[in-house]
C-alpha atoms as a PDB file:
ATOM      1  CA  MET A   1     103.861-215.844 -11.357  1.00  0.00           C
ATOM      2  CA  PRO A   2     106.350-218.433 -11.633  1.00  0.00           C
ATOM      3  CA  ASP A   3     105.919-221.832 -13.510  1.00  0.00           C
ATOM      4  CA  TYR A   4     107.131-224.457 -10.781  1.00  0.00           C
ATOM      5  CA  ASP A   5     104.848-226.336  -8.037  1.00  0.00           C
ATOM      6  CA  ASP A   6     104.277-224.430  -4.982  1.00  0.00           C
ATOM      7  CA  LYS A   7     106.180-227.019  -2.693  1.00  0.00           C
ATOM      8  CA  TYR A   8     109.228-224.622  -3.695  1.00  0.00           C
ATOM      9  CA  LEU A   9     107.492-221.930  -1.657  1.00  0.00           C
ATOM     10  CA  ARG A  10     106.300-221.717   1.974  1.00  0.00           C
ATOM     11  CA  THR A  11     104.469-218.703   3.528  1.00  0.00           C
ATOM     12  CA  THR A  12     105.002-218.934   7.268  1.00  0.00           C
ATOM     13  CA  SER A  13     102.749-217.816  10.106  1.00  0.00           C
ATOM     14  CA  ASP A  14     104.447-214.434   9.957  1.00  0.00           C
ATOM     15  CA  GLY A  15     103.005-214.012   6.398  1.00  0.00           C
ATOM     16  CA  ILE A  16     106.646-214.439   4.812  1.00  0.00           C
ATOM     17  CA  THR A  17     107.277-216.682   1.754  1.00  0.00           C
ATOM     18  CA  ARG A  18     110.255-218.463   1.594  1.00  0.00           C
ATOM     19  CA  CYS A  19     112.377-221.151  -0.099  1.00  0.00           C
ATOM     20  CA  TRP A  20     110.765-224.268   1.248  1.00  0.00           C
ATOM     21  CA  TRP A  21     114.292-225.218   2.777  1.00  0.00           C
ATOM     22  CA  GLY A  22     114.052-222.335   4.882  1.00  0.00           C
ATOM     23  CA  ILE A  23     111.048-222.709   7.011  1.00  0.00           C
ATOM     24  CA  ASP A  24     111.486-226.668   8.567  1.00  0.00           C
ATOM     25  CA  HIS A  25     113.609-225.147  11.848  1.00  0.00           C
ATOM     26  CA  GLU A  26     114.416-221.405  13.564  1.00  0.00           C
ATOM     27  CA  ASP A  27     118.175-221.779  12.689  1.00  0.00           C
ATOM     28  CA  TYR A  28     117.304-222.145   8.904  1.00  0.00           C
ATOM     29  CA  GLN A  29     114.755-219.670   8.775  1.00  0.00           C
ATOM     30  CA  ARG A  30     117.216-217.497  10.324  1.00  0.00           C
ATOM     31  CA  TYR A  31     119.934-218.548   8.076  1.00  0.00           C
ATOM     32  CA  HIS A  32     117.733-217.970   5.019  1.00  0.00           C
ATOM     33  CA  ASP A  33     116.719-214.820   5.942  1.00  0.00           C
ATOM     34  CA  GLU A  34     119.872-212.799   6.998  1.00  0.00           C
ATOM     35  CA  GLU A  35     122.763-214.517   5.127  1.00  0.00           C
ATOM     36  CA  TRP A  36     122.204-217.183   2.818  1.00  0.00           C
ATOM     37  CA  GLY A  37     122.495-215.490  -0.500  1.00  0.00           C
ATOM     38  CA  ARG A  38     124.306-212.065   0.825  1.00  0.00           C
ATOM     39  CA  PRO A  39     127.578-211.406  -1.218  1.00  0.00           C
ATOM     40  CA  VAL A  40     130.263-211.576   1.724  1.00  0.00           C
ATOM     41  CA  ALA A  41     134.062-209.973   0.833  1.00  0.00           C
ATOM     42  CA  ASP A  42     135.259-210.606   4.138  1.00  0.00           C
ATOM     43  CA  ASP A  43     138.179-213.055   3.824  1.00  0.00           C
ATOM     44  CA  PHE A  44     137.813-214.750   7.297  1.00  0.00           C
ATOM     45  CA  ARG A  45     134.137-215.376   6.864  1.00  0.00           C
ATOM     46  CA  LEU A  46     134.766-216.757   3.241  1.00  0.00           C
ATOM     47  CA  PHE A  47     137.564-219.281   4.781  1.00  0.00           C
ATOM     48  CA  GLU A  48     134.929-220.375   7.170  1.00  0.00           C
ATOM     49  CA  LYS A  49     132.094-221.178   4.812  1.00  0.00           C
ATOM     50  CA  ILE A  50     134.924-223.257   2.728  1.00  0.00           C
ATOM     51  CA  CYS A  51     135.638-224.779   5.640  1.00  0.00           C
ATOM     52  CA  LEU A  52     132.541-225.580   7.395  1.00  0.00           C
ATOM     53  CA  GLU A  53     131.045-226.650   3.533  1.00  0.00           C
ATOM     54  CA  GLY A  54     133.737-229.617   3.735  1.00  0.00           C
ATOM     55  CA  PHE A  55     132.939-230.647   7.493  1.00  0.00           C
ATOM     56  CA  GLN A  56     129.119-230.800   6.152  1.00  0.00           C
ATOM     57  CA  SER A  57     130.050-233.795   3.667  1.00  0.00           C
ATOM     58  CA  GLY A  58     128.149-236.461   4.815  1.00  0.00           C
ATOM     59  CA  LEU A  59     125.656-234.507   7.594  1.00  0.00           C
ATOM     60  CA  SER A  60     123.148-231.871   7.403  1.00  0.00           C
ATOM     61  CA  TRP A  61     123.918-228.438   6.963  1.00  0.00           C
ATOM     62  CA  LEU A  62     121.552-227.945  10.044  1.00  0.00           C
ATOM     63  CA  THR A  63     124.266-229.663  12.277  1.00  0.00           C
ATOM     64  CA  ILE A  64     127.139-227.786  11.201  1.00  0.00           C
ATOM     65  CA  LEU A  65     124.823-224.321  11.759  1.00  0.00           C
ATOM     66  CA  ARG A  66     123.899-225.521  15.324  1.00  0.00           C
ATOM     67  CA  LYS A  67     128.126-226.074  16.100  1.00  0.00           C
ATOM     68  CA  ARG A  68     129.167-223.061  14.202  1.00  0.00           C
ATOM     69  CA  GLU A  69     130.074-220.991  17.235  1.00  0.00           C
ATOM     70  CA  ASN A  70     132.004-224.328  18.327  1.00  0.00           C
ATOM     71  CA  PHE A  71     133.731-224.400  15.348  1.00  0.00           C
ATOM     72  CA  ARG A  72     134.591-220.498  15.155  1.00  0.00           C
ATOM     73  CA  LYS A  73     136.123-221.106  19.110  1.00  0.00           C
ATOM     74  CA  ALA A  74     138.025-224.158  17.553  1.00  0.00           C
ATOM     75  CA  PHE A  75     139.742-222.624  14.847  1.00  0.00           C
ATOM     76  CA  ALA A  76     140.429-219.316  15.946  1.00  0.00           C
ATOM     77  CA  GLY A  77     137.289-217.607  14.052  1.00  0.00           C
ATOM     78  CA  PHE A  78     138.826-219.092  11.001  1.00  0.00           C
ATOM     79  CA  ASP A  79     141.474-216.361  11.212  1.00  0.00           C
ATOM     80  CA  PHE A  80     143.892-218.657   8.444  1.00  0.00           C
ATOM     81  CA  HIS A  81     146.877-216.633   9.638  1.00  0.00           C
ATOM     82  CA  LYS A  82     146.544-218.371  13.049  1.00  0.00           C
ATOM     83  CA  VAL A  83     144.900-221.770  11.700  1.00  0.00           C
ATOM     84  CA  ALA A  84     147.873-222.257   9.272  1.00  0.00           C
ATOM     85  CA  ARG A  85     150.166-222.286  12.794  1.00  0.00           C
ATOM     86  CA  PHE A  86     148.016-225.128  14.418  1.00  0.00           C
ATOM     87  CA  ASP A  87     150.572-228.278  14.955  1.00  0.00           C
ATOM     88  CA  ASN A  88     150.035-231.804  15.582  1.00  0.00           C
ATOM     89  CA  GLN A  89     149.044-230.400  19.102  1.00  0.00           C
ATOM     90  CA  ASP A  90     146.071-228.995  17.885  1.00  0.00           C
ATOM     91  CA  VAL A  91     144.888-231.904  15.920  1.00  0.00           C
ATOM     92  CA  ALA A  92     144.857-233.590  19.154  1.00  0.00           C
ATOM     93  CA  ARG A  93     142.792-231.071  20.890  1.00  0.00           C
ATOM     94  CA  LEU A  94     140.514-230.818  18.068  1.00  0.00           C
ATOM     95  CA  LEU A  95     139.750-234.356  17.774  1.00  0.00           C
ATOM     96  CA  ARG A  96     138.702-234.423  22.048  1.00  0.00           C
ATOM     97  CA  ASN A  97     136.286-231.123  21.027  1.00  0.00           C
ATOM     98  CA  ASP A  98     133.023-232.864  21.281  1.00  0.00           C
ATOM     99  CA  GLY A  99     131.442-229.371  20.257  1.00  0.00           C
ATOM    100  CA  ILE A 100     132.696-229.512  16.225  1.00  0.00           C
ATOM    101  CA  VAL A 101     132.612-232.492  14.052  1.00  0.00           C
ATOM    102  CA  ARG A 102     135.671-234.563  14.965  1.00  0.00           C
ATOM    103  CA  HIS A 103     136.973-236.050  11.856  1.00  0.00           C
ATOM    104  CA  ARG A 104     141.124-236.284  11.298  1.00  0.00           C
ATOM    105  CA  GLY A 105     140.953-235.638   7.749  1.00  0.00           C
ATOM    106  CA  LYS A 106     138.472-232.502   7.685  1.00  0.00           C
ATOM    107  CA  ILE A 107     140.357-231.342  10.476  1.00  0.00           C
ATOM    108  CA  GLU A 108     143.934-231.974   8.922  1.00  0.00           C
ATOM    109  CA  ALA A 109     142.292-230.308   5.810  1.00  0.00           C
ATOM    110  CA  THR A 110     141.012-226.937   7.114  1.00  0.00           C
ATOM    111  CA  ILE A 111     144.872-226.676   8.537  1.00  0.00           C
ATOM    112  CA  ASN A 112     146.234-227.249   4.970  1.00  0.00           C
ATOM    113  CA  ASN A 113     143.975-225.354   3.597  1.00  0.00           C
ATOM    114  CA  ALA A 114     144.263-222.360   5.787  1.00  0.00           C
ATOM    115  CA  LEU A 115     148.509-222.165   4.422  1.00  0.00           C
ATOM    116  CA  ARG A 116     146.720-222.782   1.191  1.00  0.00           C
ATOM    117  CA  ALA A 117     144.518-219.322   1.498  1.00  0.00           C
ATOM    118  CA  LEU A 118     147.655-217.360   2.709  1.00  0.00           C
ATOM    119  CA  GLU A 119     149.070-218.129  -0.883  1.00  0.00           C
ATOM    120  CA  VAL A 120     145.835-217.309  -2.711  1.00  0.00           C
ATOM    121  CA  VAL A 121     146.350-213.676  -0.578  1.00  0.00           C
ATOM    122  CA  HIS A 122     149.720-213.486  -1.664  1.00  0.00           C
ATOM    123  CA  GLU A 123     149.335-213.636  -5.162  1.00  0.00           C
ATOM    124  CA  PHE A 124     145.855-211.966  -5.445  1.00  0.00           C
ATOM    125  CA  GLY A 125     146.040-209.766  -2.213  1.00  0.00           C
ATOM    126  CA  SER A 126     142.922-211.031  -0.386  1.00  0.00           C
ATOM    127  CA  LEU A 127     141.183-214.520  -0.942  1.00  0.00           C
ATOM    128  CA  GLY A 128     137.871-212.249  -1.710  1.00  0.00           C
ATOM    129  CA  ALA A 129     139.573-211.360  -4.332  1.00  0.00           C
ATOM    130  CA  TYR A 130     140.124-214.730  -5.844  1.00  0.00           C
ATOM    131  CA  ILE A 131     136.636-215.897  -4.780  1.00  0.00           C
ATOM    132  CA  TRP A 132     134.679-213.216  -6.646  1.00  0.00           C
ATOM    133  CA  GLN A 133     136.888-213.555 -10.008  1.00  0.00           C
ATOM    134  CA  TRP A 134     134.641-216.612 -10.378  1.00  0.00           C
ATOM    135  CA  GLU A 135     131.346-215.224 -10.406  1.00  0.00           C
ATOM    136  CA  PRO A 136     129.363-216.474 -13.285  1.00  0.00           C
ATOM    137  CA  ASN A 137     128.104-213.583 -15.697  1.00  0.00           C
ATOM    138  CA  SER A 138     124.261-215.349 -16.002  1.00  0.00           C
ATOM    139  CA  PRO A 139     122.642-218.030 -14.427  1.00  0.00           C
ATOM    140  CA  GLU A 140     124.546-221.445 -15.614  1.00  0.00           C
ATOM    141  CA  PRO A 141     122.452-224.607 -16.249  1.00  0.00           C
ATOM    142  CA  HIS A 142     123.235-227.995 -14.056  1.00  0.00           C
ATOM    143  CA  ALA A 143     126.404-229.524 -15.127  1.00  0.00           C
ATOM    144  CA  GLY A 144     126.871-232.697 -13.152  1.00  0.00           C
ATOM    145  CA  LYS A 145     124.811-236.572 -13.879  1.00  0.00           C
ATOM    146  CA  GLY A 146     121.905-237.974 -12.409  1.00  0.00           C
ATOM    147  CA  ASP A 147     118.552-236.574 -11.083  1.00  0.00           C
ATOM    148  CA  TYR A 148     118.285-232.777  -9.962  1.00  0.00           C
ATOM    149  CA  SER A 149     116.061-230.163  -9.803  1.00  0.00           C
ATOM    150  CA  HIS A 150     115.740-228.099 -12.601  1.00  0.00           C
ATOM    151  CA  LEU A 151     115.188-224.868 -10.761  1.00  0.00           C
ATOM    152  CA  ILE A 152     118.504-224.792  -8.521  1.00  0.00           C
ATOM    153  CA  PRO A 153     121.241-226.754  -9.953  1.00  0.00           C
ATOM    154  CA  SER A 154     123.661-228.640  -7.814  1.00  0.00           C
ATOM    155  CA  ILE A 155     126.764-228.284 -10.104  1.00  0.00           C
ATOM    156  CA  THR A 156     127.490-226.064 -12.894  1.00  0.00           C
ATOM    157  CA  LYS A 157     130.502-225.555 -15.221  1.00  0.00           C
ATOM    158  CA  THR A 158     131.785-222.790 -13.089  1.00  0.00           C
ATOM    159  CA  SER A 159     131.770-224.645  -9.364  1.00  0.00           C
ATOM    160  CA  GLN A 160     133.534-227.339 -11.531  1.00  0.00           C
ATOM    161  CA  ALA A 161     136.189-224.954 -12.585  1.00  0.00           C
ATOM    162  CA  LEU A 162     136.588-223.005  -9.049  1.00  0.00           C
ATOM    163  CA  SER A 163     136.578-226.227  -7.431  1.00  0.00           C
ATOM    164  CA  LYS A 164     139.654-227.950  -9.942  1.00  0.00           C
ATOM    165  CA  ASP A 165     141.467-224.808  -9.480  1.00  0.00           C
ATOM    166  CA  LEU A 166     141.194-225.160  -5.632  1.00  0.00           C
ATOM    167  CA  LYS A 167     142.284-229.020  -6.134  1.00  0.00           C
ATOM    168  CA  ASN A 168     145.145-227.885  -8.220  1.00  0.00           C
ATOM    169  CA  ARG A 169     146.460-225.196  -6.014  1.00  0.00           C
ATOM    170  CA  GLY A 170     146.216-227.763  -3.103  1.00  0.00           C
ATOM    171  CA  TRP A 171     142.973-227.454  -1.353  1.00  0.00           C
ATOM    172  CA  LYS A 172     141.230-230.380   0.064  1.00  0.00           C
ATOM    173  CA  PHE A 173     137.598-231.300   0.482  1.00  0.00           C
ATOM    174  CA  PHE A 174     136.209-228.408  -2.052  1.00  0.00           C
ATOM    175  CA  GLY A 175     134.670-230.548  -4.968  1.00  0.00           C
ATOM    176  CA  PRO A 176     132.261-228.794  -7.385  1.00  0.00           C
ATOM    177  CA  THR A 177     128.846-229.516  -5.286  1.00  0.00           C
ATOM    178  CA  THR A 178     130.345-228.242  -1.986  1.00  0.00           C
ATOM    179  CA  ALA A 179     131.880-225.325  -4.433  1.00  0.00           C
ATOM    180  CA  TYR A 180     128.241-224.626  -6.033  1.00  0.00           C
ATOM    181  CA  ALA A 181     126.900-224.449  -2.274  1.00  0.00           C
ATOM    182  CA  PHE A 182     129.397-221.944  -1.312  1.00  0.00           C
ATOM    183  CA  MET A 183     128.759-219.639  -4.311  1.00  0.00           C
ATOM    184  CA  GLN A 184     124.841-220.264  -3.334  1.00  0.00           C
ATOM    185  CA  ALA A 185     125.909-218.751   0.569  1.00  0.00           C
ATOM    186  CA  MET A 186     128.107-216.712  -0.077  1.00  0.00           C
ATOM    187  CA  GLY A 187     126.088-214.532  -2.759  1.00  0.00           C
ATOM    188  CA  MET A 188     127.910-215.305  -5.839  1.00  0.00           C
ATOM    189  CA  VAL A 189     124.553-216.344  -7.239  1.00  0.00           C
ATOM    190  CA  ASN A 190     121.064-215.386  -6.108  1.00  0.00           C
ATOM    191  CA  ASP A 191     119.272-218.577  -5.719  1.00  0.00           C
ATOM    192  CA  HIS A 192     116.448-217.649  -3.801  1.00  0.00           C
ATOM    193  CA  MET A 193     113.241-219.004  -5.805  1.00  0.00           C
ATOM    194  CA  GLU A 194     111.361-216.589  -7.625  1.00  0.00           C
ATOM    195  CA  GLY A 195     108.398-215.958  -5.237  1.00  0.00           C
ATOM    196  CA  CYS A 196     110.543-215.438  -1.966  1.00  0.00           C
ATOM    197  CA  ALA A 197     110.377-212.888  -0.120  1.00  0.00           C
ATOM    198  CA  ILE A 198     114.514-212.667   0.319  1.00  0.00           C
ATOM    199  CA  ARG A 199     115.310-212.771  -3.359  1.00  0.00           C
ATOM    200  CA  ALA A 200     114.770-208.900  -3.849  1.00  0.00           C
ATOM    201  CA  GLU A 201     116.724-208.354  -1.136  1.00  0.00           C
ATOM    202  CA  VAL A 202     119.404-210.309  -2.250  1.00  0.00           C
ATOM    203  CA  GLU A 203     119.593-208.808  -5.550  1.00  0.00           C
ATOM    204  CA  VAL A 204     119.390-204.828  -3.917  1.00  0.00           C
ATOM    205  CA  LEU A 205     122.621-206.263  -2.192  1.00  0.00           C
ATOM    206  CA  ARG A 206     124.230-207.997  -5.204  1.00  0.00           C
ATOM    207  CA  ARG A 207     123.859-204.821  -7.299  1.00  0.00           C
ATOM    208  CA  LYS A 208     125.143-202.280  -4.534  1.00  0.00           C
ATOM    209  CA  PHE A 209     127.964-204.811  -3.798  1.00  0.00           C
ATOM    210  CA  LYS A 210     131.298-203.933  -4.436  1.00  0.00           C
ATOM    211  CA  ARG A 211     133.663-206.969  -5.505  1.00  0.00           C
ATOM    212  CA  PRO A 212     136.755-207.222  -4.249  1.00  0.00           C
ATOM    213  CA  GLN A 213     139.463-206.715  -6.833  1.00  0.00           C
ATOM    214  CA  LYS A 214     143.053-208.390  -7.626  1.00  0.00           C
ATOM    215  CA  ARG A 215     145.850-206.143  -5.751  1.00  0.00           C
ATOM    216  CA  CYS A 216     149.399-206.701  -5.474  1.00  0.00           C
ATOM    217  CA  ALA A 217     150.433-208.281  -1.951  1.00  0.00           C
ATOM    218  CA  ARG A 218     152.735-205.956   0.309  1.00  0.00           C
END
């Protein structure tokens, strides 16, 4: 049995035991069960998550989840080839869109990051090949300062290094805490709690997952 307090796990009326955060809302439960921690290689989904993590800064993830389809429509399905061509008129259009988070800095950062994603694809062949080279070989301890749960870190040495490298490449709104949340969501680590019914499913998927490899861009 796990040696932590049961407050980190909850068993709901369907008889399934989940991480404590995955039960408060139906949206969270679906996200917890069907997405979070499952490995992703698709470039557009990886780019979407980088952008949405940036938009979430200062807000709850539930807010972003409930606006996600609006974000997808507004940002061309997070096809960074298309977003990279957005101009000032698109920024103005997005600032009028009350279905998304209307923050000029975050909108402009998304367009900037689309341009930077194209550069990464040119160098590595895909965004996935770049991202997955940062997968840790083993669980890492928390690397930040202050209070945190000893069970799940919010900052690690790898997330710090990933954030720093992307910053050096010109990416915006992707600090080390955001980077680790991204790593958790995209399956680069399995942070479902011991005892969570989804943890074993995710571990199987991670074992079977074919990591994208660097290739020469055409």
